[in-house]
């Protein structure tokens, strides 16, 4: 399912316009992104938890040349599914 399909399904189920759903979804994305950027967790009961983790610097290889290189440290988003989401799969 892509974003436009998700908007269409939510609009039908909630009896809202696509513009309203698009606006709400945009607000949701911005809120989750800014909260994670601040280093905080986002917990949605029954769905799951988004958090930020630091991935340390590590050795790697260029797949084309086989040359050794160092992959820089970076922050990544992690998602842990909630109990309700896990049992519905």
PDB file of N, CA and C in Angstrom:
ATOM      1  N   UNK A   1       0.848  -1.177   0.000  1.00  0.00           N
ATOM      2  CA  UNK A   1       0.000   0.000   0.000  1.00  0.00           C
ATOM      3  C   UNK A   1       0.890   1.236   0.000  1.00  0.00           C
ATOM      4  N   UNK A   2       0.598   2.165  -0.870  1.00  0.00           N
ATOM      5  CA  UNK A   2       1.367   3.409  -0.900  1.00  0.00           C
ATOM      6  C   UNK A   2       0.579   4.520  -0.199  1.00  0.00           C
ATOM      7  N   UNK A   3       1.157   5.711  -0.151  1.00  0.00           N
ATOM      8  CA  UNK A   3       0.567   6.817   0.594  1.00  0.00           C
ATOM      9  C   UNK A   3      -0.826   7.198   0.067  1.00  0.00           C
ATOM     10  N   UNK A   4      -0.981   7.292  -1.239  1.00  0.00           N
ATOM     11  CA  UNK A   4      -2.280   7.691  -1.791  1.00  0.00           C
ATOM     12  C   UNK A   4      -3.351   6.635  -1.516  1.00  0.00           C
ATOM     13  N   UNK A   5      -2.980   5.364  -1.546  1.00  0.00           N
ATOM     14  CA  UNK A   5      -3.937   4.301  -1.227  1.00  0.00           C
ATOM     15  C   UNK A   5      -4.333   4.356   0.247  1.00  0.00           C
ATOM     16  N   UNK A   6      -3.350   4.635   1.110  1.00  0.00           N
ATOM     17  CA  UNK A   6      -3.626   4.764   2.540  1.00  0.00           C
ATOM     18  C   UNK A   6      -4.589   5.913   2.801  1.00  0.00           C
ATOM     19  N   UNK A   7      -4.360   7.044   2.164  1.00  0.00           N
ATOM     20  CA  UNK A   7      -5.235   8.209   2.319  1.00  0.00           C
ATOM     21  C   UNK A   7      -6.651   7.875   1.876  1.00  0.00           C
ATOM     22  N   UNK A   8      -6.788   7.182   0.763  1.00  0.00           N
ATOM     23  CA  UNK A   8      -8.098   6.809   0.247  1.00  0.00           C
ATOM     24  C   UNK A   8      -8.848   5.896   1.219  1.00  0.00           C
ATOM     25  N   UNK A   9      -8.160   4.894   1.771  1.00  0.00           N
ATOM     26  CA  UNK A   9      -8.794   3.958   2.710  1.00  0.00           C
ATOM     27  C   UNK A   9      -9.235   4.683   3.979  1.00  0.00           C
ATOM     28  N   UNK A  10      -8.365   5.519   4.527  1.00  0.00           N
ATOM     29  CA  UNK A  10      -8.700   6.248   5.754  1.00  0.00           C
ATOM     30  C   UNK A  10      -9.870   7.191   5.508  1.00  0.00           C
ATOM     31  N   UNK A  11      -9.861   7.868   4.369  1.00  0.00           N
ATOM     32  CA  UNK A  11     -10.946   8.802   4.040  1.00  0.00           C
ATOM     33  C   UNK A  11     -12.298   8.083   3.989  1.00  0.00           C
ATOM     34  N   UNK A  12     -12.322   6.903   3.398  1.00  0.00           N
ATOM     35  CA  UNK A  12     -13.573   6.136   3.314  1.00  0.00           C
ATOM     36  C   UNK A  12     -14.017   5.655   4.691  1.00  0.00           C
ATOM     37  N   UNK A  13     -13.088   5.084   5.469  1.00  0.00           N
ATOM     38  CA  UNK A  13     -13.438   4.512   6.769  1.00  0.00           C
ATOM     39  C   UNK A  13     -13.829   5.577   7.790  1.00  0.00           C
ATOM     40  N   UNK A  14     -13.182   6.731   7.753  1.00  0.00           N
ATOM     41  CA  UNK A  14     -13.455   7.789   8.735  1.00  0.00           C
ATOM     42  C   UNK A  14     -14.472   8.807   8.228  1.00  0.00           C
ATOM     43  N   UNK A  15     -14.941   8.633   7.006  1.00  0.00           N
ATOM     44  CA  UNK A  15     -15.888   9.554   6.383  1.00  0.00           C
ATOM     45  C   UNK A  15     -15.353  10.993   6.404  1.00  0.00           C
ATOM     46  N   UNK A  16     -14.101  11.132   5.941  1.00  0.00           N
ATOM     47  CA  UNK A  16     -13.436  12.430   5.843  1.00  0.00           C
ATOM     48  C   UNK A  16     -13.038  12.664   4.393  1.00  0.00           C
ATOM     49  N   UNK A  17     -12.720  13.921   4.079  1.00  0.00           N
ATOM     50  CA  UNK A  17     -12.238  14.211   2.729  1.00  0.00           C
ATOM     51  C   UNK A  17     -10.770  13.792   2.626  1.00  0.00           C
ATOM     52  N   UNK A  18     -10.342  13.562   1.405  1.00  0.00           N
ATOM     53  CA  UNK A  18      -8.937  13.195   1.190  1.00  0.00           C
ATOM     54  C   UNK A  18      -8.012  14.322   1.632  1.00  0.00           C
ATOM     55  N   UNK A  19      -8.445  15.575   1.475  1.00  0.00           N
ATOM     56  CA  UNK A  19      -7.635  16.724   1.892  1.00  0.00           C
ATOM     57  C   UNK A  19      -7.447  16.729   3.409  1.00  0.00           C
ATOM     58  N   UNK A  20      -8.501  16.407   4.152  1.00  0.00           N
ATOM     59  CA  UNK A  20      -8.397  16.349   5.612  1.00  0.00           C
ATOM     60  C   UNK A  20      -7.452  15.243   6.057  1.00  0.00           C
ATOM     61  N   UNK A  21      -7.566  14.094   5.434  1.00  0.00           N
ATOM     62  CA  UNK A  21      -6.708  12.961   5.784  1.00  0.00           C
ATOM     63  C   UNK A  21      -5.256  13.274   5.412  1.00  0.00           C
ATOM     64  N   UNK A  22      -5.039  13.878   4.259  1.00  0.00           N
ATOM     65  CA  UNK A  22      -3.687  14.242   3.828  1.00  0.00           C
ATOM     66  C   UNK A  22      -3.058  15.213   4.828  1.00  0.00           C
ATOM     67  N   UNK A  23      -3.829  16.193   5.268  1.00  0.00           N
ATOM     68  CA  UNK A  23      -3.342  17.165   6.240  1.00  0.00           C
ATOM     69  C   UNK A  23      -2.998  16.500   7.575  1.00  0.00           C
ATOM     70  N   UNK A  24      -3.861  15.605   8.040  1.00  0.00           N
ATOM     71  CA  UNK A  24      -3.620  14.900   9.303  1.00  0.00           C
ATOM     72  C   UNK A  24      -2.390  13.999   9.204  1.00  0.00           C
ATOM     73  N   UNK A  25      -2.240  13.310   8.089  1.00  0.00           N
ATOM     74  CA  UNK A  25      -1.102  12.426   7.888  1.00  0.00           C
ATOM     75  C   UNK A  25       0.205  13.227   7.833  1.00  0.00           C
ATOM     76  N   UNK A  26       0.168  14.379   7.163  1.00  0.00           N
ATOM     77  CA  UNK A  26       1.346  15.250   7.101  1.00  0.00           C
ATOM     78  C   UNK A  26       1.727  15.728   8.501  1.00  0.00           C
ATOM     79  N   UNK A  27       0.751  16.117   9.289  1.00  0.00           N
ATOM     80  CA  UNK A  27       0.983  16.559  10.660  1.00  0.00           C
ATOM     81  C   UNK A  27       1.588  15.424  11.497  1.00  0.00           C
ATOM     82  N   UNK A  28       1.062  14.211  11.323  1.00  0.00           N
ATOM     83  CA  UNK A  28       1.583  13.031  12.028  1.00  0.00           C
ATOM     84  C   UNK A  28       3.055  12.814  11.689  1.00  0.00           C
ATOM     85  N   UNK A  29       3.390  12.848  10.398  1.00  0.00           N
ATOM     86  CA  UNK A  29       4.773  12.634   9.972  1.00  0.00           C
ATOM     87  C   UNK A  29       5.705  13.703  10.535  1.00  0.00           C
ATOM     88  N   UNK A  30       5.273  14.965  10.482  1.00  0.00           N
ATOM     89  CA  UNK A  30       6.103  16.059  10.987  1.00  0.00           C
ATOM     90  C   UNK A  30       6.322  15.940  12.489  1.00  0.00           C
ATOM     91  N   UNK A  31       5.278  15.564  13.218  1.00  0.00           N
ATOM     92  CA  UNK A  31       5.375  15.430  14.670  1.00  0.00           C
ATOM     93  C   UNK A  31       6.303  14.283  15.057  1.00  0.00           C
ATOM     94  N   UNK A  32       6.148  13.143  14.421  1.00  0.00           N
ATOM     95  CA  UNK A  32       7.014  11.994  14.712  1.00  0.00           C
ATOM     96  C   UNK A  32       8.462  12.329  14.355  1.00  0.00           C
ATOM     97  N   UNK A  33       8.681  12.942  13.200  1.00  0.00           N
ATOM     98  CA  UNK A  33      10.039  13.294  12.765  1.00  0.00           C
ATOM     99  C   UNK A  33      10.708  14.264  13.720  1.00  0.00           C
ATOM    100  N   UNK A  34       9.988  15.309  14.122  1.00  0.00           N
ATOM    101  CA  UNK A  34      10.596  16.300  15.011  1.00  0.00           C
ATOM    102  C   UNK A  34      10.851  15.723  16.405  1.00  0.00           C
ATOM    103  N   UNK A  35       9.977  14.842  16.869  1.00  0.00           N
ATOM    104  CA  UNK A  35      10.174  14.202  18.173  1.00  0.00           C
ATOM    105  C   UNK A  35      11.399  13.301  18.138  1.00  0.00           C
ATOM    106  N   UNK A  36      11.557  12.521  17.079  1.00  0.00           N
ATOM    107  CA  UNK A  36      12.727  11.651  16.939  1.00  0.00           C
ATOM    108  C   UNK A  36      14.000  12.477  16.782  1.00  0.00           C
ATOM    109  N   UNK A  37      13.936  13.583  16.053  1.00  0.00           N
ATOM    110  CA  UNK A  37      15.099  14.450  15.871  1.00  0.00           C
ATOM    111  C   UNK A  37      15.554  15.043  17.204  1.00  0.00           C
ATOM    112  N   UNK A  38      14.616  15.222  18.128  1.00  0.00           N
ATOM    113  CA  UNK A  38      14.950  15.738  19.457  1.00  0.00           C
ATOM    114  C   UNK A  38      15.493  14.637  20.371  1.00  0.00           C
ATOM    115  N   UNK A  39      15.555  13.413  19.853  1.00  0.00           N
ATOM    116  CA  UNK A  39      16.107  12.294  20.614  1.00  0.00           C
ATOM    117  C   UNK A  39      15.106  11.602  21.517  1.00  0.00           C
ATOM    118  N   UNK A  40      13.825  11.887  21.341  1.00  0.00           N
ATOM    119  CA  UNK A  40      12.790  11.280  22.169  1.00  0.00           C
ATOM    120  C   UNK A  40      12.140  10.101  21.449  1.00  0.00           C
ATOM    121  N   UNK A  41      11.466   9.249  22.239  1.00  0.00           N
ATOM    122  CA  UNK A  41      10.752   8.104  21.680  1.00  0.00           C
ATOM    123  C   UNK A  41       9.309   8.480  21.376  1.00  0.00           C
ATOM    124  N   UNK A  42       8.713   7.759  20.437  1.00  0.00           N
ATOM    125  CA  UNK A  42       7.286   7.921  20.120  1.00  0.00           C
ATOM    126  C   UNK A  42       6.638   6.563  20.339  1.00  0.00           C
ATOM    127  N   UNK A  43       5.754   6.497  21.344  1.00  0.00           N
ATOM    128  CA  UNK A  43       5.071   5.244  21.658  1.00  0.00           C
ATOM    129  C   UNK A  43       3.602   5.355  21.287  1.00  0.00           C
ATOM    130  N   UNK A  44       3.144   4.451  20.448  1.00  0.00           N
ATOM    131  CA  UNK A  44       1.734   4.396  20.064  1.00  0.00           C
ATOM    132  C   UNK A  44       1.211   3.050  20.559  1.00  0.00           C
ATOM    133  N   UNK A  45       0.463   3.097  21.662  1.00  0.00           N
ATOM    134  CA  UNK A  45       0.003   1.860  22.287  1.00  0.00           C
ATOM    135  C   UNK A  45      -0.746   0.983  21.295  1.00  0.00           C
ATOM    136  N   UNK A  46      -0.405  -0.288  21.284  1.00  0.00           N
ATOM    137  CA  UNK A  46      -1.037  -1.246  20.390  1.00  0.00           C
ATOM    138  C   UNK A  46      -0.394  -1.307  19.016  1.00  0.00           C
ATOM    139  N   UNK A  47       0.315  -0.245  18.630  1.00  0.00           N
ATOM    140  CA  UNK A  47       0.954  -0.224  17.311  1.00  0.00           C
ATOM    141  C   UNK A  47       2.447  -0.475  17.423  1.00  0.00           C
ATOM    142  N   UNK A  48       3.148   0.367  18.186  1.00  0.00           N
ATOM    143  CA  UNK A  48       4.577   0.159  18.341  1.00  0.00           C
ATOM    144  C   UNK A  48       5.304   1.392  18.845  1.00  0.00           C
ATOM    145  N   UNK A  49       6.629   1.273  18.919  1.00  0.00           N
ATOM    146  CA  UNK A  49       7.480   2.342  19.431  1.00  0.00           C
ATOM    147  C   UNK A  49       8.568   2.675  18.423  1.00  0.00           C
ATOM    148  N   UNK A  50       8.689   3.973  18.112  1.00  0.00           N
ATOM    149  CA  UNK A  50       9.772   4.480  17.286  1.00  0.00           C
ATOM    150  C   UNK A  50      10.827   5.053  18.224  1.00  0.00           C
ATOM    151  N   UNK A  51      12.100   4.765  17.957  1.00  0.00           N
ATOM    152  CA  UNK A  51      13.181   5.328  18.760  1.00  0.00           C
ATOM    153  C   UNK A  51      14.388   5.579  17.868  1.00  0.00           C
ATOM    154  N   UNK A  52      15.342   6.342  18.406  1.00  0.00           N
ATOM    155  CA  UNK A  52      16.565   6.650  17.675  1.00  0.00           C
ATOM    156  C   UNK A  52      17.715   5.902  18.332  1.00  0.00           C
ATOM    157  N   UNK A  53      18.555   5.266  17.538  1.00  0.00           N
ATOM    158  CA  UNK A  53      19.732   4.558  18.041  1.00  0.00           C
ATOM    159  C   UNK A  53      20.947   5.047  17.265  1.00  0.00           C
ATOM    160  N   UNK A  54      22.098   4.969  17.904  1.00  0.00           N
ATOM    161  CA  UNK A  54      23.329   5.356  17.228  1.00  0.00           C
ATOM    162  C   UNK A  54      24.035   4.112  16.713  1.00  0.00           C
ATOM    163  N   UNK A  55      24.379   4.136  15.465  1.00  0.00           N
ATOM    164  CA  UNK A  55      25.136   3.049  14.852  1.00  0.00           C
ATOM    165  C   UNK A  55      26.591   3.493  14.824  1.00  0.00           C
ATOM    166  N   UNK A  56      27.477   2.710  15.412  1.00  0.00           N
ATOM    167  CA  UNK A  56      28.877   3.107  15.506  1.00  0.00           C
ATOM    168  C   UNK A  56      29.605   2.948  14.163  1.00  0.00           C
ATOM    169  N   UNK A  57      30.753   3.598  14.099  1.00  0.00           N
ATOM    170  CA  UNK A  57      31.598   3.485  12.906  1.00  0.00           C
ATOM    171  C   UNK A  57      32.046   2.029  12.759  1.00  0.00           C
ATOM    172  N   UNK A  58      32.112   1.547  11.517  1.00  0.00           N
ATOM    173  CA  UNK A  58      32.482   0.142  11.314  1.00  0.00           C
ATOM    174  C   UNK A  58      33.196  -0.038   9.987  1.00  0.00           C
ATOM    175  N   UNK A  59      33.973  -1.106   9.876  1.00  0.00           N
ATOM    176  CA  UNK A  59      34.667  -1.349   8.602  1.00  0.00           C
ATOM    177  C   UNK A  59      33.708  -1.907   7.557  1.00  0.00           C
ATOM    178  N   UNK A  60      33.989  -1.620   6.296  1.00  0.00           N
ATOM    179  CA  UNK A  60      33.179  -2.127   5.203  1.00  0.00           C
ATOM    180  C   UNK A  60      34.025  -2.301   3.962  1.00  0.00           C
ATOM    181  N   UNK A  61      33.402  -2.705   2.887  1.00  0.00           N
ATOM    182  CA  UNK A  61      34.105  -2.889   1.612  1.00  0.00           C
ATOM    183  C   UNK A  61      33.283  -2.293   0.488  1.00  0.00           C
ATOM    184  N   UNK A  62      33.977  -1.708  -0.491  1.00  0.00           N
ATOM    185  CA  UNK A  62      33.328  -1.233  -1.703  1.00  0.00           C
ATOM    186  C   UNK A  62      33.003  -2.468  -2.527  1.00  0.00           C
ATOM    187  N   UNK A  63      31.727  -2.741  -2.820  1.00  0.00           N
ATOM    188  CA  UNK A  63      31.370  -3.961  -3.541  1.00  0.00           C
ATOM    189  C   UNK A  63      31.924  -4.020  -4.966  1.00  0.00           C
ATOM    190  N   UNK A  64      32.171  -2.861  -5.572  1.00  0.00           N
ATOM    191  CA  UNK A  64      32.703  -2.842  -6.931  1.00  0.00           C
ATOM    192  C   UNK A  64      34.179  -3.195  -6.988  1.00  0.00           C
ATOM    193  N   UNK A  65      34.953  -2.564  -6.103  1.00  0.00           N
ATOM    194  CA  UNK A  65      36.411  -2.717  -6.165  1.00  0.00           C
ATOM    195  C   UNK A  65      36.981  -3.633  -5.100  1.00  0.00           C
ATOM    196  N   UNK A  66      36.208  -3.888  -4.041  1.00  0.00           N
ATOM    197  CA  UNK A  66      36.708  -4.711  -2.948  1.00  0.00           C
ATOM    198  C   UNK A  66      37.579  -3.924  -1.986  1.00  0.00           C
ATOM    199  N   UNK A  67      37.736  -2.632  -2.224  1.00  0.00           N
ATOM    200  CA  UNK A  67      38.575  -1.777  -1.397  1.00  0.00           C
ATOM    201  C   UNK A  67      37.957  -1.613   0.006  1.00  0.00           C
ATOM    202  N   UNK A  68      38.797  -1.719   1.041  1.00  0.00           N
ATOM    203  CA  UNK A  68      38.343  -1.528   2.420  1.00  0.00           C
ATOM    204  C   UNK A  68      38.067  -0.050   2.660  1.00  0.00           C
ATOM    205  N   UNK A  69      37.009   0.216   3.425  1.00  0.00           N
ATOM    206  CA  UNK A  69      36.681   1.596   3.773  1.00  0.00           C
ATOM    207  C   UNK A  69      36.017   1.616   5.142  1.00  0.00           C
ATOM    208  N   UNK A  70      35.830   2.812   5.688  1.00  0.00           N
ATOM    209  CA  UNK A  70      35.191   2.958   6.989  1.00  0.00           C
ATOM    210  C   UNK A  70      33.808   3.576   6.784  1.00  0.00           C
ATOM    211  N   UNK A  71      32.796   2.892   7.304  1.00  0.00           N
ATOM    212  CA  UNK A  71      31.435   3.400   7.234  1.00  0.00           C
ATOM    213  C   UNK A  71      31.233   4.287   8.458  1.00  0.00           C
ATOM    214  N   UNK A  72      30.852   5.540   8.230  1.00  0.00           N
ATOM    215  CA  UNK A  72      30.720   6.524   9.305  1.00  0.00           C
ATOM    216  C   UNK A  72      29.607   6.153  10.288  1.00  0.00           C
ATOM    217  N   UNK A  73      29.766   6.636  11.519  1.00  0.00           N
ATOM    218  CA  UNK A  73      28.726   6.476  12.531  1.00  0.00           C
ATOM    219  C   UNK A  73      27.531   7.338  12.140  1.00  0.00           C
ATOM    220  N   UNK A  74      26.335   6.874  12.497  1.00  0.00           N
ATOM    221  CA  UNK A  74      25.141   7.666  12.199  1.00  0.00           C
ATOM    222  C   UNK A  74      23.999   7.253  13.116  1.00  0.00           C
ATOM    223  N   UNK A  75      22.976   8.098  13.146  1.00  0.00           N
ATOM    224  CA  UNK A  75      21.774   7.799  13.908  1.00  0.00           C
ATOM    225  C   UNK A  75      20.764   7.148  12.974  1.00  0.00           C
ATOM    226  N   UNK A  76      20.060   6.147  13.483  1.00  0.00           N
ATOM    227  CA  UNK A  76      19.047   5.441  12.693  1.00  0.00           C
ATOM    228  C   UNK A  76      17.752   5.335  13.491  1.00  0.00           C
ATOM    229  N   UNK A  77      16.641   5.242  12.797  1.00  0.00           N
ATOM    230  CA  UNK A  77      15.344   5.072  13.440  1.00  0.00           C
ATOM    231  C   UNK A  77      15.068   3.578  13.581  1.00  0.00           C
ATOM    232  N   UNK A  78      14.620   3.192  14.773  1.00  0.00           N
ATOM    233  CA  UNK A  78      14.249   1.800  15.015  1.00  0.00           C
ATOM    234  C   UNK A  78      12.756   1.748  15.320  1.00  0.00           C
ATOM    235  N   UNK A  79      12.132   0.632  14.961  1.00  0.00           N
ATOM    236  CA  UNK A  79      10.711   0.428  15.237  1.00  0.00           C
ATOM    237  C   UNK A  79      10.534  -0.923  15.901  1.00  0.00           C
ATOM    238  N   UNK A  80       9.840  -0.912  17.036  1.00  0.00           N
ATOM    239  CA  UNK A  80       9.521  -2.162  17.721  1.00  0.00           C
ATOM    240  C   UNK A  80       8.002  -2.300  17.711  1.00  0.00           C
ATOM    241  N   UNK A  81       7.469  -3.310  17.027  1.00  0.00           N
ATOM    242  CA  UNK A  81       6.012  -3.464  16.945  1.00  0.00           C
ATOM    243  C   UNK A  81       5.395  -3.744  18.304  1.00  0.00           C
ATOM    244  N   UNK A  82       4.195  -3.220  18.525  1.00  0.00           N
ATOM    245  CA  UNK A  82       3.463  -3.462  19.750  1.00  0.00           C
ATOM    246  C   UNK A  82       2.800  -4.829  19.730  1.00  0.00           C
ATOM    247  N   UNK A  83       2.313  -5.227  20.880  1.00  0.00           N
ATOM    248  CA  UNK A  83       1.705  -6.554  21.021  1.00  0.00           C
ATOM    249  C   UNK A  83       0.498  -6.726  20.097  1.00  0.00           C
ATOM    250  N   UNK A  84      -0.365  -5.714  20.032  1.00  0.00           N
ATOM    251  CA  UNK A  84      -1.571  -5.812  19.209  1.00  0.00           C
ATOM    252  C   UNK A  84      -1.220  -5.947  17.718  1.00  0.00           C
ATOM    253  N   UNK A  85      -0.244  -5.187  17.263  1.00  0.00           N
ATOM    254  CA  UNK A  85       0.182  -5.271  15.851  1.00  0.00           C
ATOM    255  C   UNK A  85       0.786  -6.641  15.569  1.00  0.00           C
ATOM    256  N   UNK A  86       1.607  -7.138  16.478  1.00  0.00           N
ATOM    257  CA  UNK A  86       2.273  -8.432  16.276  1.00  0.00           C
ATOM    258  C   UNK A  86       1.285  -9.583  16.223  1.00  0.00           C
ATOM    259  N   UNK A  87       0.250  -9.512  17.042  1.00  0.00           N
ATOM    260  CA  UNK A  87      -0.704 -10.635  17.073  1.00  0.00           C
ATOM    261  C   UNK A  87      -1.677 -10.601  15.911  1.00  0.00           C
ATOM    262  N   UNK A  88      -1.816  -9.465  15.238  1.00  0.00           N
ATOM    263  CA  UNK A  88      -2.752  -9.355  14.103  1.00  0.00           C
ATOM    264  C   UNK A  88      -2.118  -9.732  12.780  1.00  0.00           C
ATOM    265  N   UNK A  89      -0.859 -10.086  12.758  1.00  0.00           N
ATOM    266  CA  UNK A  89      -0.197 -10.424  11.505  1.00  0.00           C
ATOM    267  C   UNK A  89      -0.413 -11.867  11.125  1.00  0.00           C
TER     268      UNK A  89
END
